[in-house]
Amino acid sequence: AATRAVEQVVARLAASGTKIIMTTHDLGQARRLAGDVVFLHRGQVLE
């Protein structure tokens, strides 16, 4: 529930024009929020 509330705030900020750059370990959250994805592996950007 708290995660959902935070995601709603993040979405509002993004909609207002703030650029969000965010790390997460939650793939569901990444799917819900991301416009683009940076995939890091062993210190390198692979995608």
ModelCIF file with pLDDT and N, C-alpha, C, O atoms, coordinates in Angstrom:
data_MODEL
#
_entry.id   MODEL 
#
_entity.id                         1 
_entity.type                       polymer 
_entity.pdbx_number_of_molecules   1 
#
_entity_poly.entity_id                      1 
_entity_poly.type                           'polypeptide(L)' 
_entity_poly.nstd_linkage                   no 
_entity_poly.nstd_monomer                   no 
_entity_poly.pdbx_seq_one_letter_code       AATRAVEQVVARLAASGTKIIMTTHDLGQARRLAGDVVFLHRGQVLE 
_entity_poly.pdbx_seq_one_letter_code_can   AATRAVEQVVARLAASGTKIIMTTHDLGQARRLAGDVVFLHRGQVLE 
_entity_poly.pdbx_strand_id                 A 
#
loop_
_entity_poly_seq.entity_id 
_entity_poly_seq.num 
_entity_poly_seq.mon_id 
_entity_poly_seq.hetero 
1 1  ALA n 
1 2  ALA n 
1 3  THR n 
1 4  ARG n 
1 5  ALA n 
1 6  VAL n 
1 7  GLU n 
1 8  GLN n 
1 9  VAL n 
1 10 VAL n 
1 11 ALA n 
1 12 ARG n 
1 13 LEU n 
1 14 ALA n 
1 15 ALA n 
1 16 SER n 
1 17 GLY n 
1 18 THR n 
1 19 LYS n 
1 20 ILE n 
1 21 ILE n 
1 22 MET n 
1 23 THR n 
1 24 THR n 
1 25 HIS n 
1 26 ASP n 
1 27 LEU n 
1 28 GLY n 
1 29 GLN n 
1 30 ALA n 
1 31 ARG n 
1 32 ARG n 
1 33 LEU n 
1 34 ALA n 
1 35 GLY n 
1 36 ASP n 
1 37 VAL n 
1 38 VAL n 
1 39 PHE n 
1 40 LEU n 
1 41 HIS n 
1 42 ARG n 
1 43 GLY n 
1 44 GLN n 
1 45 VAL n 
1 46 LEU n 
1 47 GLU n 
#
_struct_asym.id          A 
_struct_asym.entity_id   1 
#
loop_
_ma_qa_metric.id 
_ma_qa_metric.mode 
_ma_qa_metric.name 
_ma_qa_metric.software_group_id 
_ma_qa_metric.type 
1 global pLDDT . pLDDT 
2 local  pLDDT . pLDDT 
#
_ma_qa_metric_global.metric_id      1 
_ma_qa_metric_global.metric_value   96.83 
_ma_qa_metric_global.model_id       1 
_ma_qa_metric_global.ordinal_id     1 
#
loop_
_ma_qa_metric_local.label_asym_id 
_ma_qa_metric_local.label_comp_id 
_ma_qa_metric_local.label_seq_id 
_ma_qa_metric_local.metric_id 
_ma_qa_metric_local.metric_value 
_ma_qa_metric_local.model_id 
_ma_qa_metric_local.ordinal_id 
A ALA 1  2 96.00 1 1  
A ALA 2  2 96.00 1 2  
A THR 3  2 97.00 1 3  
A ARG 4  2 97.00 1 4  
A ALA 5  2 97.00 1 5  
A VAL 6  2 97.00 1 6  
A GLU 7  2 97.00 1 7  
A GLN 8  2 97.00 1 8  
A VAL 9  2 97.00 1 9  
A VAL 10 2 98.00 1 10 
A ALA 11 2 97.00 1 11 
A ARG 12 2 96.00 1 12 
A LEU 13 2 97.00 1 13 
A ALA 14 2 97.00 1 14 
A ALA 15 2 96.00 1 15 
A SER 16 2 94.00 1 16 
A GLY 17 2 94.00 1 17 
A THR 18 2 96.00 1 18 
A LYS 19 2 98.00 1 19 
A ILE 20 2 98.00 1 20 
A ILE 21 2 98.00 1 21 
A MET 22 2 98.00 1 22 
A THR 23 2 98.00 1 23 
A THR 24 2 97.00 1 24 
A HIS 25 2 94.00 1 25 
A ASP 26 2 95.00 1 26 
A LEU 27 2 96.00 1 27 
A GLY 28 2 96.00 1 28 
A GLN 29 2 97.00 1 29 
A ALA 30 2 98.00 1 30 
A ARG 31 2 97.00 1 31 
A ARG 32 2 97.00 1 32 
A LEU 33 2 98.00 1 33 
A ALA 34 2 98.00 1 34 
A GLY 35 2 98.00 1 35 
A ASP 36 2 98.00 1 36 
A VAL 37 2 98.00 1 37 
A VAL 38 2 98.00 1 38 
A PHE 39 2 98.00 1 39 
A LEU 40 2 97.00 1 40 
A HIS 41 2 96.00 1 41 
A ARG 42 2 95.00 1 42 
A GLY 43 2 95.00 1 43 
A GLN 44 2 97.00 1 44 
A VAL 45 2 97.00 1 45 
A LEU 46 2 97.00 1 46 
A GLU 47 2 98.00 1 47 
#
loop_
_atom_site.group_PDB 
_atom_site.id 
_atom_site.type_symbol 
_atom_site.label_atom_id 
_atom_site.label_alt_id 
_atom_site.label_comp_id 
_atom_site.label_asym_id 
_atom_site.label_entity_id 
_atom_site.label_seq_id 
_atom_site.pdbx_PDB_ins_code 
_atom_site.Cartn_x 
_atom_site.Cartn_y 
_atom_site.Cartn_z 
_atom_site.occupancy 
_atom_site.B_iso_or_equiv 
_atom_site.pdbx_formal_charge 
_atom_site.auth_seq_id 
_atom_site.auth_comp_id 
_atom_site.auth_asym_id 
_atom_site.auth_atom_id 
_atom_site.pdbx_PDB_model_num 
ATOM 1   N N  . ALA A 1 1  ? 0.833  -1.210 0.000   1.00 96.00 ? 1  ALA A N  1 
ATOM 2   C CA . ALA A 1 1  ? 0.000  0.000  0.000   1.00 96.00 ? 1  ALA A CA 1 
ATOM 3   C C  . ALA A 1 1  ? 0.864  1.255  0.000   1.00 96.00 ? 1  ALA A C  1 
ATOM 4   O O  . ALA A 1 1  ? 0.583  2.201  -0.735  1.00 96.00 ? 1  ALA A O  1 
ATOM 5   N N  . ALA A 1 2  ? 1.920  1.270  0.823   1.00 96.00 ? 2  ALA A N  1 
ATOM 6   C CA . ALA A 1 2  ? 2.809  2.427  0.869   1.00 96.00 ? 2  ALA A CA 1 
ATOM 7   C C  . ALA A 1 2  ? 3.565  2.579  -0.447  1.00 96.00 ? 2  ALA A C  1 
ATOM 8   O O  . ALA A 1 2  ? 3.796  3.696  -0.911  1.00 96.00 ? 2  ALA A O  1 
ATOM 9   N N  . THR A 1 3  ? 3.952  1.448  -1.048  1.00 97.00 ? 3  THR A N  1 
ATOM 10  C CA . THR A 1 3  ? 4.617  1.495  -2.348  1.00 97.00 ? 3  THR A CA 1 
ATOM 11  C C  . THR A 1 3  ? 3.711  2.113  -3.397  1.00 97.00 ? 3  THR A C  1 
ATOM 12  O O  . THR A 1 3  ? 4.150  2.946  -4.190  1.00 97.00 ? 3  THR A O  1 
ATOM 13  N N  . ARG A 1 4  ? 2.456  1.709  -3.404  1.00 97.00 ? 4  ARG A N  1 
ATOM 14  C CA . ARG A 1 4  ? 1.501  2.264  -4.360  1.00 97.00 ? 4  ARG A CA 1 
ATOM 15  C C  . ARG A 1 4  ? 1.356  3.774  -4.177  1.00 97.00 ? 4  ARG A C  1 
ATOM 16  O O  . ARG A 1 4  ? 1.282  4.511  -5.160  1.00 97.00 ? 4  ARG A O  1 
ATOM 17  N N  . ALA A 1 5  ? 1.315  4.237  -2.928  1.00 97.00 ? 5  ALA A N  1 
ATOM 18  C CA . ALA A 1 5  ? 1.182  5.666  -2.655  1.00 97.00 ? 5  ALA A CA 1 
ATOM 19  C C  . ALA A 1 5  ? 2.404  6.435  -3.153  1.00 97.00 ? 5  ALA A C  1 
ATOM 20  O O  . ALA A 1 5  ? 2.268  7.517  -3.724  1.00 97.00 ? 5  ALA A O  1 
ATOM 21  N N  . VAL A 1 6  ? 3.593  5.882  -2.941  1.00 97.00 ? 6  VAL A N  1 
ATOM 22  C CA . VAL A 1 6  ? 4.810  6.538  -3.423  1.00 97.00 ? 6  VAL A CA 1 
ATOM 23  C C  . VAL A 1 6  ? 4.830  6.563  -4.942  1.00 97.00 ? 6  VAL A C  1 
ATOM 24  O O  . VAL A 1 6  ? 5.186  7.581  -5.536  1.00 97.00 ? 6  VAL A O  1 
ATOM 25  N N  . GLU A 1 7  ? 4.459  5.469  -5.574  1.00 97.00 ? 7  GLU A N  1 
ATOM 26  C CA . GLU A 1 7  ? 4.430  5.436  -7.044  1.00 97.00 ? 7  GLU A CA 1 
ATOM 27  C C  . GLU A 1 7  ? 3.470  6.488  -7.598  1.00 97.00 ? 7  GLU A C  1 
ATOM 28  O O  . GLU A 1 7  ? 3.751  7.100  -8.628  1.00 97.00 ? 7  GLU A O  1 
ATOM 29  N N  . GLN A 1 8  ? 2.352  6.699  -6.930  1.00 97.00 ? 8  GLN A N  1 
ATOM 30  C CA . GLN A 1 8  ? 1.409  7.718  -7.383  1.00 97.00 ? 8  GLN A CA 1 
ATOM 31  C C  . GLN A 1 8  ? 2.042  9.104  -7.337  1.00 97.00 ? 8  GLN A C  1 
ATOM 32  O O  . GLN A 1 8  ? 1.832  9.921  -8.233  1.00 97.00 ? 8  GLN A O  1 
ATOM 33  N N  . VAL A 1 9  ? 2.823  9.363  -6.277  1.00 97.00 ? 9  VAL A N  1 
ATOM 34  C CA . VAL A 1 9  ? 3.510  10.649 -6.173  1.00 97.00 ? 9  VAL A CA 1 
ATOM 35  C C  . VAL A 1 9  ? 4.546  10.784 -7.280  1.00 97.00 ? 9  VAL A C  1 
ATOM 36  O O  . VAL A 1 9  ? 4.658  11.838 -7.907  1.00 97.00 ? 9  VAL A O  1 
ATOM 37  N N  . VAL A 1 10 ? 5.301  9.721  -7.518  1.00 98.00 ? 10 VAL A N  1 
ATOM 38  C CA . VAL A 1 10 ? 6.309  9.750  -8.585  1.00 98.00 ? 10 VAL A CA 1 
ATOM 39  C C  . VAL A 1 10 ? 5.653  10.043 -9.929  1.00 98.00 ? 10 VAL A C  1 
ATOM 40  O O  . VAL A 1 10 ? 6.169  10.836 -10.717 1.00 98.00 ? 10 VAL A O  1 
ATOM 41  N N  . ALA A 1 11 ? 4.524  9.409  -10.187 1.00 97.00 ? 11 ALA A N  1 
ATOM 42  C CA . ALA A 1 11 ? 3.817  9.640  -11.446 1.00 97.00 ? 11 ALA A CA 1 
ATOM 43  C C  . ALA A 1 11 ? 3.340  11.084 -11.554 1.00 97.00 ? 11 ALA A C  1 
ATOM 44  O O  . ALA A 1 11 ? 3.401  11.680 -12.629 1.00 97.00 ? 11 ALA A O  1 
ATOM 45  N N  . ARG A 1 12 ? 2.864  11.650 -10.443 1.00 96.00 ? 12 ARG A N  1 
ATOM 46  C CA . ARG A 1 12 ? 2.420  13.054 -10.464 1.00 96.00 ? 12 ARG A CA 1 
ATOM 47  C C  . ARG A 1 12 ? 3.591  13.996 -10.747 1.00 96.00 ? 12 ARG A C  1 
ATOM 48  O O  . ARG A 1 12 ? 3.462  14.941 -11.525 1.00 96.00 ? 12 ARG A O  1 
ATOM 49  N N  . LEU A 1 13 ? 4.717  13.735 -10.119 1.00 97.00 ? 13 LEU A N  1 
ATOM 50  C CA . LEU A 1 13 ? 5.887  14.580 -10.352 1.00 97.00 ? 13 LEU A CA 1 
ATOM 51  C C  . LEU A 1 13 ? 6.334  14.493 -11.803 1.00 97.00 ? 13 LEU A C  1 
ATOM 52  O O  . LEU A 1 13 ? 6.656  15.508 -12.421 1.00 97.00 ? 13 LEU A O  1 
ATOM 53  N N  . ALA A 1 14 ? 6.355  13.288 -12.344 1.00 97.00 ? 14 ALA A N  1 
ATOM 54  C CA . ALA A 1 14 ? 6.746  13.120 -13.742 1.00 97.00 ? 14 ALA A CA 1 
ATOM 55  C C  . ALA A 1 14 ? 5.778  13.856 -14.667 1.00 97.00 ? 14 ALA A C  1 
ATOM 56  O O  . ALA A 1 14 ? 6.198  14.491 -15.634 1.00 97.00 ? 14 ALA A O  1 
ATOM 57  N N  . ALA A 1 15 ? 4.488  13.769 -14.365 1.00 96.00 ? 15 ALA A N  1 
ATOM 58  C CA . ALA A 1 15 ? 3.482  14.438 -15.191 1.00 96.00 ? 15 ALA A CA 1 
ATOM 59  C C  . ALA A 1 15 ? 3.614  15.957 -15.109 1.00 96.00 ? 15 ALA A C  1 
ATOM 60  O O  . ALA A 1 15 ? 3.239  16.666 -16.042 1.00 96.00 ? 15 ALA A O  1 
ATOM 61  N N  . SER A 1 16 ? 4.145  16.455 -13.996 1.00 94.00 ? 16 SER A N  1 
ATOM 62  C CA . SER A 1 16 ? 4.288  17.903 -13.826 1.00 94.00 ? 16 SER A CA 1 
ATOM 63  C C  . SER A 1 16 ? 5.496  18.459 -14.573 1.00 94.00 ? 16 SER A C  1 
ATOM 64  O O  . SER A 1 16 ? 5.646  19.677 -14.679 1.00 94.00 ? 16 SER A O  1 
ATOM 65  N N  . GLY A 1 17 ? 6.362  17.585 -15.093 1.00 94.00 ? 17 GLY A N  1 
ATOM 66  C CA . GLY A 1 17 ? 7.518  18.044 -15.845 1.00 94.00 ? 17 GLY A CA 1 
ATOM 67  C C  . GLY A 1 17 ? 8.845  17.734 -15.203 1.00 94.00 ? 17 GLY A C  1 
ATOM 68  O O  . GLY A 1 17 ? 9.886  18.009 -15.799 1.00 94.00 ? 17 GLY A O  1 
ATOM 69  N N  . THR A 1 18 ? 8.850  17.166 -13.999 1.00 96.00 ? 18 THR A N  1 
ATOM 70  C CA . THR A 1 18 ? 10.105 16.791 -13.356 1.00 96.00 ? 18 THR A CA 1 
ATOM 71  C C  . THR A 1 18 ? 10.634 15.503 -13.983 1.00 96.00 ? 18 THR A C  1 
ATOM 72  O O  . THR A 1 18 ? 9.899  14.524 -14.110 1.00 96.00 ? 18 THR A O  1 
ATOM 73  N N  . LYS A 1 19 ? 11.890 15.503 -14.369 1.00 98.00 ? 19 LYS A N  1 
ATOM 74  C CA . LYS A 1 19 ? 12.509 14.286 -14.896 1.00 98.00 ? 19 LYS A CA 1 
ATOM 75  C C  . LYS A 1 19 ? 12.911 13.401 -13.731 1.00 98.00 ? 19 LYS A C  1 
ATOM 76  O O  . LYS A 1 19 ? 13.685 13.818 -12.869 1.00 98.00 ? 19 LYS A O  1 
ATOM 77  N N  . ILE A 1 20 ? 12.390 12.182 -13.699 1.00 98.00 ? 20 ILE A N  1 
ATOM 78  C CA . ILE A 1 20 ? 12.692 11.225 -12.650 1.00 98.00 ? 20 ILE A CA 1 
ATOM 79  C C  . ILE A 1 20 ? 13.752 10.246 -13.159 1.00 98.00 ? 20 ILE A C  1 
ATOM 80  O O  . ILE A 1 20 ? 13.605 9.661  -14.232 1.00 98.00 ? 20 ILE A O  1 
ATOM 81  N N  . ILE A 1 21 ? 14.820 10.076 -12.378 1.00 98.00 ? 21 ILE A N  1 
ATOM 82  C CA . ILE A 1 21 ? 15.828 9.045  -12.646 1.00 98.00 ? 21 ILE A CA 1 
ATOM 83  C C  . ILE A 1 21 ? 15.895 8.199  -11.379 1.00 98.00 ? 21 ILE A C  1 
ATOM 84  O O  . ILE A 1 21 ? 16.262 8.697  -10.314 1.00 98.00 ? 21 ILE A O  1 
ATOM 85  N N  . MET A 1 22 ? 15.543 6.926  -11.494 1.00 98.00 ? 22 MET A N  1 
ATOM 86  C CA . MET A 1 22 ? 15.257 6.130  -10.305 1.00 98.00 ? 22 MET A CA 1 
ATOM 87  C C  . MET A 1 22 ? 15.838 4.733  -10.410 1.00 98.00 ? 22 MET A C  1 
ATOM 88  O O  . MET A 1 22 ? 15.806 4.118  -11.476 1.00 98.00 ? 22 MET A O  1 
ATOM 89  N N  . THR A 1 23 ? 16.368 4.233  -9.304  1.00 98.00 ? 23 THR A N  1 
ATOM 90  C CA . THR A 1 23 ? 16.772 2.835  -9.222  1.00 98.00 ? 23 THR A CA 1 
ATOM 91  C C  . THR A 1 23 ? 15.681 2.037  -8.515  1.00 98.00 ? 23 THR A C  1 
ATOM 92  O O  . THR A 1 23 ? 14.991 2.552  -7.636  1.00 98.00 ? 23 THR A O  1 
ATOM 93  N N  . THR A 1 24 ? 15.536 0.789  -8.906  1.00 97.00 ? 24 THR A N  1 
ATOM 94  C CA . THR A 1 24 ? 14.597 -0.099 -8.224  1.00 97.00 ? 24 THR A CA 1 
ATOM 95  C C  . THR A 1 24 ? 15.025 -1.547 -8.439  1.00 97.00 ? 24 THR A C  1 
ATOM 96  O O  . THR A 1 24 ? 15.648 -1.883 -9.446  1.00 97.00 ? 24 THR A O  1 
ATOM 97  N N  . HIS A 1 25 ? 14.682 -2.396 -7.477  1.00 94.00 ? 25 HIS A N  1 
ATOM 98  C CA . HIS A 1 25 ? 14.884 -3.836 -7.642  1.00 94.00 ? 25 HIS A CA 1 
ATOM 99  C C  . HIS A 1 25 ? 13.573 -4.520 -8.009  1.00 94.00 ? 25 HIS A C  1 
ATOM 100 O O  . HIS A 1 25 ? 13.536 -5.733 -8.217  1.00 94.00 ? 25 HIS A O  1 
ATOM 101 N N  . ASP A 1 26 ? 12.500 -3.740 -8.089  1.00 95.00 ? 26 ASP A N  1 
ATOM 102 C CA . ASP A 1 26 ? 11.150 -4.260 -8.302  1.00 95.00 ? 26 ASP A CA 1 
ATOM 103 C C  . ASP A 1 26 ? 10.806 -4.148 -9.789  1.00 95.00 ? 26 ASP A C  1 
ATOM 104 O O  . ASP A 1 26 ? 10.542 -3.054 -10.288 1.00 95.00 ? 26 ASP A O  1 
ATOM 105 N N  . LEU A 1 27 ? 10.809 -5.276 -10.488 1.00 96.00 ? 27 LEU A N  1 
ATOM 106 C CA . LEU A 1 27 ? 10.539 -5.244 -11.923 1.00 96.00 ? 27 LEU A CA 1 
ATOM 107 C C  . LEU A 1 27 ? 9.114  -4.804 -12.229 1.00 96.00 ? 27 LEU A C  1 
ATOM 108 O O  . LEU A 1 27 ? 8.881  -4.143 -13.241 1.00 96.00 ? 27 LEU A O  1 
ATOM 109 N N  . GLY A 1 28 ? 8.154  -5.157 -11.371 1.00 96.00 ? 28 GLY A N  1 
ATOM 110 C CA . GLY A 1 28 ? 6.785  -4.685 -11.564 1.00 96.00 ? 28 GLY A CA 1 
ATOM 111 C C  . GLY A 1 28 ? 6.721  -3.179 -11.496 1.00 96.00 ? 28 GLY A C  1 
ATOM 112 O O  . GLY A 1 28 ? 6.026  -2.546 -12.290 1.00 96.00 ? 28 GLY A O  1 
ATOM 113 N N  . GLN A 1 29 ? 7.443  -2.599 -10.549 1.00 97.00 ? 29 GLN A N  1 
ATOM 114 C CA . GLN A 1 29 ? 7.486  -1.144 -10.430 1.00 97.00 ? 29 GLN A CA 1 
ATOM 115 C C  . GLN A 1 29 ? 8.134  -0.514 -11.655 1.00 97.00 ? 29 GLN A C  1 
ATOM 116 O O  . GLN A 1 29 ? 7.663  0.507  -12.157 1.00 97.00 ? 29 GLN A O  1 
ATOM 117 N N  . ALA A 1 30 ? 9.208  -1.119 -12.132 1.00 98.00 ? 30 ALA A N  1 
ATOM 118 C CA . ALA A 1 30 ? 9.865  -0.598 -13.327 1.00 98.00 ? 30 ALA A CA 1 
ATOM 119 C C  . ALA A 1 30 ? 8.911  -0.617 -14.524 1.00 98.00 ? 30 ALA A C  1 
ATOM 120 O O  . ALA A 1 30 ? 8.874  0.336  -15.302 1.00 98.00 ? 30 ALA A O  1 
ATOM 121 N N  . ARG A 1 31 ? 8.144  -1.692 -14.672 1.00 97.00 ? 31 ARG A N  1 
ATOM 122 C CA . ARG A 1 31 ? 7.172  -1.773 -15.764 1.00 97.00 ? 31 ARG A CA 1 
ATOM 123 C C  . ARG A 1 31 ? 6.108  -0.687 -15.639 1.00 97.00 ? 31 ARG A C  1 
ATOM 124 O O  . ARG A 1 31 ? 5.680  -0.110 -16.639 1.00 97.00 ? 31 ARG A O  1 
ATOM 125 N N  . ARG A 1 32 ? 5.684  -0.415 -14.411 1.00 97.00 ? 32 ARG A N  1 
ATOM 126 C CA . ARG A 1 32 ? 4.615  0.564  -14.211 1.00 97.00 ? 32 ARG A CA 1 
ATOM 127 C C  . ARG A 1 32 ? 5.076  1.998  -14.451 1.00 97.00 ? 32 ARG A C  1 
ATOM 128 O O  . ARG A 1 32 ? 4.294  2.824  -14.921 1.00 97.00 ? 32 ARG A O  1 
ATOM 129 N N  . LEU A 1 33 ? 6.325  2.303  -14.138 1.00 98.00 ? 33 LEU A N  1 
ATOM 130 C CA . LEU A 1 33 ? 6.759  3.694  -14.129 1.00 98.00 ? 33 LEU A CA 1 
ATOM 131 C C  . LEU A 1 33 ? 7.657  4.102  -15.294 1.00 98.00 ? 33 LEU A C  1 
ATOM 132 O O  . LEU A 1 33 ? 7.673  5.273  -15.675 1.00 98.00 ? 33 LEU A O  1 
ATOM 133 N N  . ALA A 1 34 ? 8.393  3.168  -15.858 1.00 98.00 ? 34 ALA A N  1 
ATOM 134 C CA . ALA A 1 34 ? 9.488  3.537  -16.763 1.00 98.00 ? 34 ALA A CA 1 
ATOM 135 C C  . ALA A 1 34 ? 9.023  4.018  -18.122 1.00 98.00 ? 34 ALA A C  1 
ATOM 136 O O  . ALA A 1 34 ? 8.109  3.456  -18.725 1.00 98.00 ? 34 ALA A O  1 
ATOM 137 N N  . GLY A 1 35 ? 9.676  5.076  -18.590 1.00 98.00 ? 35 GLY A N  1 
ATOM 138 C CA . GLY A 1 35 ? 9.606  5.437  -19.997 1.00 98.00 ? 35 GLY A CA 1 
ATOM 139 C C  . GLY A 1 35 ? 10.740 4.776  -20.750 1.00 98.00 ? 35 GLY A C  1 
ATOM 140 O O  . GLY A 1 35 ? 10.572 4.331  -21.885 1.00 98.00 ? 35 GLY A O  1 
ATOM 141 N N  . ASP A 1 36 ? 11.911 4.714  -20.100 1.00 98.00 ? 36 ASP A N  1 
ATOM 142 C CA . ASP A 1 36 ? 13.048 4.010  -20.649 1.00 98.00 ? 36 ASP A CA 1 
ATOM 143 C C  . ASP A 1 36 ? 13.776 3.308  -19.508 1.00 98.00 ? 36 ASP A C  1 
ATOM 144 O O  . ASP A 1 36 ? 13.658 3.696  -18.346 1.00 98.00 ? 36 ASP A O  1 
ATOM 145 N N  . VAL A 1 37 ? 14.526 2.272  -19.859 1.00 98.00 ? 37 VAL A N  1 
ATOM 146 C CA . VAL A 1 37 ? 15.186 1.420  -18.876 1.00 98.00 ? 37 VAL A CA 1 
ATOM 147 C C  . VAL A 1 37 ? 16.682 1.379  -19.154 1.00 98.00 ? 37 VAL A C  1 
ATOM 148 O O  . VAL A 1 37 ? 17.120 1.181  -20.287 1.00 98.00 ? 37 VAL A O  1 
ATOM 149 N N  . VAL A 1 38 ? 17.457 1.572  -18.084 1.00 98.00 ? 38 VAL A N  1 
ATOM 150 C CA . VAL A 1 38 ? 18.904 1.355  -18.124 1.00 98.00 ? 38 VAL A CA 1 
ATOM 151 C C  . VAL A 1 38 ? 19.180 0.050  -17.390 1.00 98.00 ? 38 VAL A C  1 
ATOM 152 O O  . VAL A 1 38 ? 18.854 -0.074 -16.210 1.00 98.00 ? 38 VAL A O  1 
ATOM 153 N N  . PHE A 1 39 ? 19.781 -0.928 -18.076 1.00 98.00 ? 39 PHE A N  1 
ATOM 154 C CA . PHE A 1 39 ? 20.101 -2.207 -17.455 1.00 98.00 ? 39 PHE A CA 1 
ATOM 155 C C  . PHE A 1 39 ? 21.593 -2.274 -17.183 1.00 98.00 ? 39 PHE A C  1 
ATOM 156 O O  . PHE A 1 39 ? 22.410 -2.250 -18.103 1.00 98.00 ? 39 PHE A O  1 
ATOM 157 N N  . LEU A 1 40 ? 21.939 -2.358 -15.892 1.00 97.00 ? 40 LEU A N  1 
ATOM 158 C CA . LEU A 1 40 ? 23.326 -2.436 -15.457 1.00 97.00 ? 40 LEU A CA 1 
ATOM 159 C C  . LEU A 1 40 ? 23.675 -3.874 -15.076 1.00 97.00 ? 40 LEU A C  1 
ATOM 160 O O  . LEU A 1 40 ? 22.878 -4.578 -14.455 1.00 97.00 ? 40 LEU A O  1 
ATOM 161 N N  . HIS A 1 41 ? 24.871 -4.292 -15.457 1.00 96.00 ? 41 HIS A N  1 
ATOM 162 C CA . HIS A 1 41 ? 25.353 -5.617 -15.054 1.00 96.00 ? 41 HIS A CA 1 
ATOM 163 C C  . HIS A 1 41 ? 26.848 -5.533 -14.854 1.00 96.00 ? 41 HIS A C  1 
ATOM 164 O O  . HIS A 1 41 ? 27.594 -5.186 -15.770 1.00 96.00 ? 41 HIS A O  1 
ATOM 165 N N  . ARG A 1 42 ? 27.283 -5.859 -13.630 1.00 95.00 ? 42 ARG A N  1 
ATOM 166 C CA . ARG A 1 42 ? 28.705 -5.834 -13.284 1.00 95.00 ? 42 ARG A CA 1 
ATOM 167 C C  . ARG A 1 42 ? 29.362 -4.526 -13.676 1.00 95.00 ? 42 ARG A C  1 
ATOM 168 O O  . ARG A 1 42 ? 30.455 -4.504 -14.243 1.00 95.00 ? 42 ARG A O  1 
ATOM 169 N N  . GLY A 1 43 ? 28.663 -3.410 -13.355 1.00 95.00 ? 43 GLY A N  1 
ATOM 170 C CA . GLY A 1 43 ? 29.241 -2.084 -13.535 1.00 95.00 ? 43 GLY A CA 1 
ATOM 171 C C  . GLY A 1 43 ? 29.207 -1.535 -14.936 1.00 95.00 ? 43 GLY A C  1 
ATOM 172 O O  . GLY A 1 43 ? 29.796 -0.487 -15.202 1.00 95.00 ? 43 GLY A O  1 
ATOM 173 N N  . GLN A 1 44 ? 28.531 -2.218 -15.841 1.00 97.00 ? 44 GLN A N  1 
ATOM 174 C CA . GLN A 1 44 ? 28.443 -1.731 -17.218 1.00 97.00 ? 44 GLN A CA 1 
ATOM 175 C C  . GLN A 1 44 ? 26.994 -1.613 -17.658 1.00 97.00 ? 44 GLN A C  1 
ATOM 176 O O  . GLN A 1 44 ? 26.143 -2.400 -17.244 1.00 97.00 ? 44 GLN A O  1 
ATOM 177 N N  . VAL A 1 45 ? 26.720 -0.627 -18.496 1.00 97.00 ? 45 VAL A N  1 
ATOM 178 C CA . VAL A 1 45 ? 25.392 -0.494 -19.085 1.00 97.00 ? 45 VAL A CA 1 
ATOM 179 C C  . VAL A 1 45 ? 25.317 -1.422 -20.291 1.00 97.00 ? 45 VAL A C  1 
ATOM 180 O O  . VAL A 1 45 ? 25.973 -1.193 -21.307 1.00 97.00 ? 45 VAL A O  1 
ATOM 181 N N  . LEU A 1 46 ? 24.510 -2.471 -20.167 1.00 97.00 ? 46 LEU A N  1 
ATOM 182 C CA . LEU A 1 46 ? 24.361 -3.406 -21.288 1.00 97.00 ? 46 LEU A CA 1 
ATOM 183 C C  . LEU A 1 46 ? 23.212 -3.021 -22.199 1.00 97.00 ? 46 LEU A C  1 
ATOM 184 O O  . LEU A 1 46 ? 23.227 -3.333 -23.390 1.00 97.00 ? 46 LEU A O  1 
ATOM 185 N N  . GLU A 1 47 ? 22.202 -2.334 -21.638 1.00 98.00 ? 47 GLU A N  1 
ATOM 186 C CA . GLU A 1 47 ? 21.083 -1.891 -22.467 1.00 98.00 ? 47 GLU A CA 1 
ATOM 187 C C  . GLU A 1 47 ? 20.546 -0.571 -21.931 1.00 98.00 ? 47 GLU A C  1 
ATOM 188 O O  . GLU A 1 47 ? 19.596 -0.019 -22.487 1.00 98.00 ? 47 GLU A O  1 
#
